[in-house]
Amino acid sequence: MYVCSCFGVTEAQVKQHAEDGACTPRQIASACKAGTDCGSCVRRIQAILGRGACPRRELADQGRPILSSPLPSDPGFARPAEAA
């Protein structure tokens, strides 16, 4: 099933990019352009990623450290709390 009709990206392709390490809609867009034209597929991409398509996210949910850190421009980026 197509997720992004503008660029012909399927749900399977989004899941594969997530397995390869793209865990945010922005990272998916960088990998295959999905979500960069009309934007109507961004919510669908978020839903796919939210259903556990991203193995790195599952590790984070289990309290395991993620080896690479997100960029401040990623939507899921949170700055660490200032040390008191």
PDB file of N, CA and C in Angstrom:
ATOM      1  N   MET A   1       0.845  -1.175   0.000  1.00  0.00           N
ATOM      2  CA  MET A   1       0.000   0.000   0.000  1.00  0.00           C
ATOM      3  C   MET A   1       0.896   1.245   0.000  1.00  0.00           C
ATOM      4  N   TYR A   2       0.522   2.222  -0.803  1.00  0.00           N
ATOM      5  CA  TYR A   2       1.302   3.455  -0.877  1.00  0.00           C
ATOM      6  C   TYR A   2       1.030   4.338   0.338  1.00  0.00           C
ATOM      7  N   VAL A   3       2.105   4.851   0.914  1.00  0.00           N
ATOM      8  CA  VAL A   3       2.022   5.815   2.004  1.00  0.00           C
ATOM      9  C   VAL A   3       2.125   7.210   1.396  1.00  0.00           C
ATOM     10  N   CYS A   4       3.072   7.382   0.479  1.00  0.00           N
ATOM     11  CA  CYS A   4       3.314   8.669  -0.173  1.00  0.00           C
ATOM     12  C   CYS A   4       3.067   8.510  -1.671  1.00  0.00           C
ATOM     13  N   SER A   5       1.960   9.038  -2.131  1.00  0.00           N
ATOM     14  CA  SER A   5       1.651   8.919  -3.554  1.00  0.00           C
ATOM     15  C   SER A   5       2.467   9.901  -4.393  1.00  0.00           C
ATOM     16  N   CYS A   6       2.962  10.982  -3.795  1.00  0.00           N
ATOM     17  CA  CYS A   6       3.779  11.946  -4.546  1.00  0.00           C
ATOM     18  C   CYS A   6       5.065  11.297  -5.061  1.00  0.00           C
ATOM     19  N   PHE A   7       5.672  10.434  -4.241  1.00  0.00           N
ATOM     20  CA  PHE A   7       6.942   9.808  -4.613  1.00  0.00           C
ATOM     21  C   PHE A   7       6.850   8.293  -4.723  1.00  0.00           C
ATOM     22  N   GLY A   8       5.643   7.742  -4.621  1.00  0.00           N
ATOM     23  CA  GLY A   8       5.452   6.302  -4.790  1.00  0.00           C
ATOM     24  C   GLY A   8       6.133   5.461  -3.717  1.00  0.00           C
ATOM     25  N   VAL A   9       6.094   5.924  -2.477  1.00  0.00           N
ATOM     26  CA  VAL A   9       6.735   5.212  -1.365  1.00  0.00           C
ATOM     27  C   VAL A   9       5.682   4.353  -0.671  1.00  0.00           C
ATOM     28  N   THR A  10       6.022   3.083  -0.489  1.00  0.00           N
ATOM     29  CA  THR A  10       5.080   2.149   0.128  1.00  0.00           C
ATOM     30  C   THR A  10       5.311   2.034   1.635  1.00  0.00           C
ATOM     31  N   GLU A  11       4.336   1.448   2.300  1.00  0.00           N
ATOM     32  CA  GLU A  11       4.462   1.205   3.740  1.00  0.00           C
ATOM     33  C   GLU A  11       5.651   0.290   4.021  1.00  0.00           C
ATOM     34  N   ALA A  12       5.856  -0.704   3.164  1.00  0.00           N
ATOM     35  CA  ALA A  12       6.986  -1.614   3.337  1.00  0.00           C
ATOM     36  C   ALA A  12       8.315  -0.867   3.240  1.00  0.00           C
ATOM     37  N   GLN A  13       8.400   0.100   2.339  1.00  0.00           N
ATOM     38  CA  GLN A  13       9.632   0.882   2.213  1.00  0.00           C
ATOM     39  C   GLN A  13       9.872   1.736   3.451  1.00  0.00           C
ATOM     40  N   VAL A  14       8.821   2.340   3.986  1.00  0.00           N
ATOM     41  CA  VAL A  14       8.960   3.144   5.208  1.00  0.00           C
ATOM     42  C   VAL A  14       9.441   2.251   6.345  1.00  0.00           C
ATOM     43  N   LYS A  15       8.867   1.060   6.478  1.00  0.00           N
ATOM     44  CA  LYS A  15       9.281   0.130   7.535  1.00  0.00           C
ATOM     45  C   LYS A  15      10.732  -0.290   7.345  1.00  0.00           C
ATOM     46  N   GLN A  16      11.151  -0.499   6.097  1.00  0.00           N
ATOM     47  CA  GLN A  16      12.540  -0.881   5.847  1.00  0.00           C
ATOM     48  C   GLN A  16      13.492   0.250   6.216  1.00  0.00           C
ATOM     49  N   HIS A  17      13.142   1.480   5.869  1.00  0.00           N
ATOM     50  CA  HIS A  17      13.983   2.616   6.250  1.00  0.00           C
ATOM     51  C   HIS A  17      14.053   2.746   7.770  1.00  0.00           C
ATOM     52  N   ALA A  18      12.942   2.466   8.451  1.00  0.00           N
ATOM     53  CA  ALA A  18      12.938   2.515   9.915  1.00  0.00           C
ATOM     54  C   ALA A  18      13.855   1.439  10.485  1.00  0.00           C
ATOM     55  N   GLU A  19      13.814   0.248   9.916  1.00  0.00           N
ATOM     56  CA  GLU A  19      14.695  -0.825  10.369  1.00  0.00           C
ATOM     57  C   GLU A  19      16.159  -0.476  10.126  1.00  0.00           C
ATOM     58  N   ASP A  20      16.396   0.328   9.089  1.00  0.00           N
ATOM     59  CA  ASP A  20      17.762   0.756   8.764  1.00  0.00           C
ATOM     60  C   ASP A  20      18.221   1.936   9.621  1.00  0.00           C
ATOM     61  N   GLY A  21      17.323   2.459  10.486  1.00  0.00           N
ATOM     62  CA  GLY A  21      17.734   3.495  11.423  1.00  0.00           C
ATOM     63  C   GLY A  21      16.999   4.821  11.328  1.00  0.00           C
ATOM     64  N   ALA A  22      16.125   5.002  10.356  1.00  0.00           N
ATOM     65  CA  ALA A  22      15.367   6.253  10.242  1.00  0.00           C
ATOM     66  C   ALA A  22      14.165   6.172  11.182  1.00  0.00           C
ATOM     67  N   CYS A  23      14.206   6.910  12.288  1.00  0.00           N
ATOM     68  CA  CYS A  23      13.186   6.756  13.324  1.00  0.00           C
ATOM     69  C   CYS A  23      12.278   7.968  13.509  1.00  0.00           C
ATOM     70  N   THR A  24      12.412   8.958  12.650  1.00  0.00           N
ATOM     71  CA  THR A  24      11.521  10.119  12.708  1.00  0.00           C
ATOM     72  C   THR A  24      11.019  10.392  11.294  1.00  0.00           C
ATOM     73  N   PRO A  25       9.893  11.084  11.171  1.00  0.00           N
ATOM     74  CA  PRO A  25       9.424  11.438   9.830  1.00  0.00           C
ATOM     75  C   PRO A  25      10.476  12.210   9.027  1.00  0.00           C
ATOM     76  N   ARG A  26      11.245  13.044   9.699  1.00  0.00           N
ATOM     77  CA  ARG A  26      12.299  13.797   8.994  1.00  0.00           C
ATOM     78  C   ARG A  26      13.372  12.860   8.446  1.00  0.00           C
ATOM     79  N   GLN A  27      13.743  11.854   9.221  1.00  0.00           N
ATOM     80  CA  GLN A  27      14.742  10.894   8.757  1.00  0.00           C
ATOM     81  C   GLN A  27      14.194  10.035   7.620  1.00  0.00           C
ATOM     82  N   ILE A  28      12.920   9.690   7.688  1.00  0.00           N
ATOM     83  CA  ILE A  28      12.283   8.965   6.587  1.00  0.00           C
ATOM     84  C   ILE A  28      12.313   9.832   5.338  1.00  0.00           C
ATOM     85  N   ALA A  29      12.006  11.116   5.487  1.00  0.00           N
ATOM     86  CA  ALA A  29      12.027  12.044   4.348  1.00  0.00           C
ATOM     87  C   ALA A  29      13.418  12.116   3.733  1.00  0.00           C
ATOM     88  N   SER A  30      14.438  12.125   4.557  1.00  0.00           N
ATOM     89  CA  SER A  30      15.813  12.157   4.048  1.00  0.00           C
ATOM     90  C   SER A  30      16.156  10.886   3.287  1.00  0.00           C
ATOM     91  N   ALA A  31      15.580   9.782   3.718  1.00  0.00           N
ATOM     92  CA  ALA A  31      15.890   8.496   3.098  1.00  0.00           C
ATOM     93  C   ALA A  31      15.161   8.281   1.772  1.00  0.00           C
ATOM     94  N   CYS A  32      13.920   8.792   1.653  1.00  0.00           N
ATOM     95  CA  CYS A  32      13.139   8.456   0.449  1.00  0.00           C
ATOM     96  C   CYS A  32      12.241   9.576  -0.062  1.00  0.00           C
ATOM     97  N   LYS A  33      12.319  10.765   0.512  1.00  0.00           N
ATOM     98  CA  LYS A  33      11.540  11.941   0.122  1.00  0.00           C
ATOM     99  C   LYS A  33      10.080  11.908   0.567  1.00  0.00           C
ATOM    100  N   ALA A  34       9.621  10.804   1.145  1.00  0.00           N
ATOM    101  CA  ALA A  34       8.226  10.737   1.587  1.00  0.00           C
ATOM    102  C   ALA A  34       7.947  11.850   2.586  1.00  0.00           C
ATOM    103  N   GLY A  35       6.869  12.590   2.364  1.00  0.00           N
ATOM    104  CA  GLY A  35       6.475  13.668   3.259  1.00  0.00           C
ATOM    105  C   GLY A  35       7.039  15.024   2.903  1.00  0.00           C
ATOM    106  N   THR A  36       7.812  15.111   1.819  1.00  0.00           N
ATOM    107  CA  THR A  36       8.451  16.379   1.492  1.00  0.00           C
ATOM    108  C   THR A  36       7.725  17.186   0.420  1.00  0.00           C
ATOM    109  N   ASP A  37       6.679  16.632  -0.183  1.00  0.00           N
ATOM    110  CA  ASP A  37       5.971  17.388  -1.216  1.00  0.00           C
ATOM    111  C   ASP A  37       4.683  17.969  -0.630  1.00  0.00           C
ATOM    112  N   CYS A  38       3.582  17.250  -0.705  1.00  0.00           N
ATOM    113  CA  CYS A  38       2.314  17.813  -0.217  1.00  0.00           C
ATOM    114  C   CYS A  38       2.156  17.659   1.295  1.00  0.00           C
ATOM    115  N   GLY A  39       2.857  16.676   1.900  1.00  0.00           N
ATOM    116  CA  GLY A  39       2.820  16.497   3.349  1.00  0.00           C
ATOM    117  C   GLY A  39       1.656  15.694   3.876  1.00  0.00           C
ATOM    118  N   SER A  40       0.762  15.243   3.005  1.00  0.00           N
ATOM    119  CA  SER A  40      -0.413  14.520   3.495  1.00  0.00           C
ATOM    120  C   SER A  40      -0.069  13.155   4.083  1.00  0.00           C
ATOM    121  N   CYS A  41       1.114  12.639   3.831  1.00  0.00           N
ATOM    122  CA  CYS A  41       1.486  11.316   4.336  1.00  0.00           C
ATOM    123  C   CYS A  41       2.235  11.353   5.663  1.00  0.00           C
ATOM    124  N   VAL A  42       2.547  12.531   6.161  1.00  0.00           N
ATOM    125  CA  VAL A  42       3.377  12.630   7.369  1.00  0.00           C
ATOM    126  C   VAL A  42       2.709  11.951   8.563  1.00  0.00           C
ATOM    127  N   ARG A  43       1.428  12.127   8.729  1.00  0.00           N
ATOM    128  CA  ARG A  43       0.730  11.479   9.855  1.00  0.00           C
ATOM    129  C   ARG A  43       0.741   9.959   9.720  1.00  0.00           C
ATOM    130  N   ARG A  44       0.617   9.487   8.496  1.00  0.00           N
ATOM    131  CA  ARG A  44       0.669   8.038   8.261  1.00  0.00           C
ATOM    132  C   ARG A  44       2.068   7.508   8.606  1.00  0.00           C
ATOM    133  N   ILE A  45       3.098   8.246   8.219  1.00  0.00           N
ATOM    134  CA  ILE A  45       4.471   7.856   8.544  1.00  0.00           C
ATOM    135  C   ILE A  45       4.658   7.843  10.065  1.00  0.00           C
ATOM    136  N   GLN A  46       4.140   8.865  10.753  1.00  0.00           N
ATOM    137  CA  GLN A  46       4.229   8.898  12.212  1.00  0.00           C
ATOM    138  C   GLN A  46       3.537   7.685  12.825  1.00  0.00           C
ATOM    139  N   ALA A  47       2.401   7.296  12.270  1.00  0.00           N
ATOM    140  CA  ALA A  47       1.673   6.140  12.788  1.00  0.00           C
ATOM    141  C   ALA A  47       2.471   4.854  12.587  1.00  0.00           C
ATOM    142  N   ILE A  48       3.105   4.717  11.426  1.00  0.00           N
ATOM    143  CA  ILE A  48       3.917   3.529  11.164  1.00  0.00           C
ATOM    144  C   ILE A  48       5.085   3.476  12.141  1.00  0.00           C
ATOM    145  N   LEU A  49       5.752   4.592  12.341  1.00  0.00           N
ATOM    146  CA  LEU A  49       6.882   4.628  13.270  1.00  0.00           C
ATOM    147  C   LEU A  49       6.425   4.384  14.703  1.00  0.00           C
ATOM    148  N   GLY A  50       5.240   4.848  15.033  1.00  0.00           N
ATOM    149  CA  GLY A  50       4.700   4.670  16.378  1.00  0.00           C
ATOM    150  C   GLY A  50       4.287   3.255  16.689  1.00  0.00           C
ATOM    151  N   ARG A  51       4.116   2.428  15.649  1.00  0.00           N
ATOM    152  CA  ARG A  51       3.716   1.026  15.848  1.00  0.00           C
ATOM    153  C   ARG A  51       4.923   0.110  15.994  1.00  0.00           C
ATOM    154  N   GLY A  52       6.070   0.687  16.300  1.00  0.00           N
ATOM    155  CA  GLY A  52       7.232  -0.153  16.562  1.00  0.00           C
ATOM    156  C   GLY A  52       8.052  -0.500  15.338  1.00  0.00           C
ATOM    157  N   ALA A  53       7.904   0.252  14.242  1.00  0.00           N
ATOM    158  CA  ALA A  53       8.692  -0.044  13.051  1.00  0.00           C
ATOM    159  C   ALA A  53      10.154   0.311  13.258  1.00  0.00           C
ATOM    160  N   CYS A  54      10.450   1.077  14.274  1.00  0.00           N
ATOM    161  CA  CYS A  54      11.815   1.525  14.511  1.00  0.00           C
ATOM    162  C   CYS A  54      12.434   0.734  15.659  1.00  0.00           C
ATOM    163  N   PRO A  55      13.378  -0.155  15.365  1.00  0.00           N
ATOM    164  CA  PRO A  55      13.992  -0.940  16.436  1.00  0.00           C
ATOM    165  C   PRO A  55      14.734  -0.078  17.451  1.00  0.00           C
ATOM    166  N   ARG A  56      15.340   1.027  17.025  1.00  0.00           N
ATOM    167  CA  ARG A  56      16.053   1.906  17.957  1.00  0.00           C
ATOM    168  C   ARG A  56      15.085   2.497  18.970  1.00  0.00           C
ATOM    169  N   ARG A  57      13.873   2.845  18.543  1.00  0.00           N
ATOM    170  CA  ARG A  57      12.886   3.400  19.463  1.00  0.00           C
ATOM    171  C   ARG A  57      12.482   2.352  20.491  1.00  0.00           C
ATOM    172  N   GLU A  58      12.352   1.096  20.071  1.00  0.00           N
ATOM    173  CA  GLU A  58      12.011   0.033  21.004  1.00  0.00           C
ATOM    174  C   GLU A  58      13.094  -0.117  22.066  1.00  0.00           C
ATOM    175  N   LEU A  59      14.371   0.003  21.677  1.00  0.00           N
ATOM    176  CA  LEU A  59      15.462  -0.078  22.646  1.00  0.00           C
ATOM    177  C   LEU A  59      15.370   1.058  23.645  1.00  0.00           C
ATOM    178  N   ALA A  60      15.048   2.249  23.164  1.00  0.00           N
ATOM    179  CA  ALA A  60      14.930   3.405  24.052  1.00  0.00           C
ATOM    180  C   ALA A  60      13.777   3.205  25.034  1.00  0.00           C
ATOM    181  N   ASP A  61      12.670   2.631  24.564  1.00  0.00           N
ATOM    182  CA  ASP A  61      11.522   2.390  25.429  1.00  0.00           C
ATOM    183  C   ASP A  61      11.852   1.369  26.510  1.00  0.00           C
ATOM    184  N   GLN A  62      12.820   0.500  26.254  1.00  0.00           N
ATOM    185  CA  GLN A  62      13.218  -0.507  27.230  1.00  0.00           C
ATOM    186  C   GLN A  62      14.314   0.004  28.163  1.00  0.00           C
ATOM    187  N   GLY A  63      14.707   1.259  27.999  1.00  0.00           N
ATOM    188  CA  GLY A  63      15.720   1.844  28.848  1.00  0.00           C
ATOM    189  C   GLY A  63      17.137   1.580  28.396  1.00  0.00           C
ATOM    190  N   ARG A  64      17.306   0.991  27.215  1.00  0.00           N
ATOM    191  CA  ARG A  64      18.645   0.742  26.698  1.00  0.00           C
ATOM    192  C   ARG A  64      19.156   1.986  25.996  1.00  0.00           C
ATOM    193  N   PRO A  65      20.450   2.256  26.092  1.00  0.00           N
ATOM    194  CA  PRO A  65      20.989   3.447  25.422  1.00  0.00           C
ATOM    195  C   PRO A  65      20.988   3.277  23.912  1.00  0.00           C
ATOM    196  N   ILE A  66      20.782   4.368  23.234  1.00  0.00           N
ATOM    197  CA  ILE A  66      20.849   4.405  21.776  1.00  0.00           C
ATOM    198  C   ILE A  66      22.224   4.954  21.427  1.00  0.00           C
ATOM    199  N   LEU A  67      22.929   4.284  20.528  1.00  0.00           N
ATOM    200  CA  LEU A  67      24.314   4.638  20.251  1.00  0.00           C
ATOM    201  C   LEU A  67      24.471   5.983  19.565  1.00  0.00           C
ATOM    202  N   SER A  68      23.566   6.326  18.665  1.00  0.00           N
ATOM    203  CA  SER A  68      23.684   7.623  17.997  1.00  0.00           C
ATOM    204  C   SER A  68      22.691   8.590  18.614  1.00  0.00           C
ATOM    205  N   SER A  69      23.097   9.840  18.730  1.00  0.00           N
ATOM    206  CA  SER A  69      22.215  10.828  19.349  1.00  0.00           C
ATOM    207  C   SER A  69      21.455  11.587  18.276  1.00  0.00           C
ATOM    208  N   PRO A  70      20.222  12.014  18.585  1.00  0.00           N
ATOM    209  CA  PRO A  70      19.426  12.753  17.611  1.00  0.00           C
ATOM    210  C   PRO A  70      19.988  14.154  17.403  1.00  0.00           C
ATOM    211  N   LEU A  71      19.669  14.705  16.274  1.00  0.00           N
ATOM    212  CA  LEU A  71      20.067  16.075  15.981  1.00  0.00           C
ATOM    213  C   LEU A  71      19.052  17.038  16.580  1.00  0.00           C
ATOM    214  N   PRO A  72      19.464  18.229  16.984  1.00  0.00           N
ATOM    215  CA  PRO A  72      18.524  19.199  17.545  1.00  0.00           C
ATOM    216  C   PRO A  72      17.385  19.540  16.581  1.00  0.00           C
ATOM    217  N   SER A  73      17.582  19.337  15.279  1.00  0.00           N
ATOM    218  CA  SER A  73      16.531  19.652  14.316  1.00  0.00           C
ATOM    219  C   SER A  73      15.480  18.550  14.210  1.00  0.00           C
ATOM    220  N   ASP A  74      15.742  17.357  14.786  1.00  0.00           N
ATOM    221  CA  ASP A  74      14.760  16.280  14.749  1.00  0.00           C
ATOM    222  C   ASP A  74      13.583  16.619  15.653  1.00  0.00           C
ATOM    223  N   PRO A  75      12.337  16.323  15.190  1.00  0.00           N
ATOM    224  CA  PRO A  75      11.157  16.642  15.998  1.00  0.00           C
ATOM    225  C   PRO A  75      11.163  15.947  17.361  1.00  0.00           C
ATOM    226  N   GLY A  76      11.781  14.771  17.462  1.00  0.00           N
ATOM    227  CA  GLY A  76      11.785  14.043  18.715  1.00  0.00           C
ATOM    228  C   GLY A  76      12.930  14.431  19.634  1.00  0.00           C
ATOM    229  N   PHE A  77      13.717  15.424  19.264  1.00  0.00           N
ATOM    230  CA  PHE A  77      14.882  15.831  20.051  1.00  0.00           C
ATOM    231  C   PHE A  77      14.441  16.566  21.303  1.00  0.00           C
ATOM    232  N   ALA A  78      15.022  16.188  22.418  1.00  0.00           N
ATOM    233  CA  ALA A  78      14.788  16.901  23.674  1.00  0.00           C
ATOM    234  C   ALA A  78      16.144  17.231  24.278  1.00  0.00           C
ATOM    235  N   ARG A  79      16.339  18.472  24.606  1.00  0.00           N
ATOM    236  CA  ARG A  79      17.620  18.874  25.196  1.00  0.00           C
ATOM    237  C   ARG A  79      17.707  18.308  26.598  1.00  0.00           C
ATOM    238  N   PRO A  80      18.904  17.859  26.979  1.00  0.00           N
ATOM    239  CA  PRO A  80      19.065  17.336  28.348  1.00  0.00           C
ATOM    240  C   PRO A  80      18.832  18.450  29.373  1.00  0.00           C
ATOM    241  N   ALA A  81      18.337  18.057  30.522  1.00  0.00           N
ATOM    242  CA  ALA A  81      18.072  19.040  31.585  1.00  0.00           C
ATOM    243  C   ALA A  81      19.397  19.608  32.070  1.00  0.00           C
ATOM    244  N   GLU A  82      19.379  20.857  32.394  1.00  0.00           N
ATOM    245  CA  GLU A  82      20.579  21.524  32.912  1.00  0.00           C
ATOM    246  C   GLU A  82      20.925  20.925  34.269  1.00  0.00           C
ATOM    247  N   ALA A  83      22.210  20.732  34.507  1.00  0.00           N
ATOM    248  CA  ALA A  83      22.648  20.208  35.804  1.00  0.00           C
ATOM    249  C   ALA A  83      22.460  21.289  36.856  1.00  0.00           C
ATOM    250  N   ALA A  84      21.909  20.901  37.993  1.00  0.00           N
ATOM    251  CA  ALA A  84      21.625  21.878  39.046  1.00  0.00           C
ATOM    252  C   ALA A  84      22.816  22.126  39.926  1.00  0.00           C
TER     253      ALA A  84
END
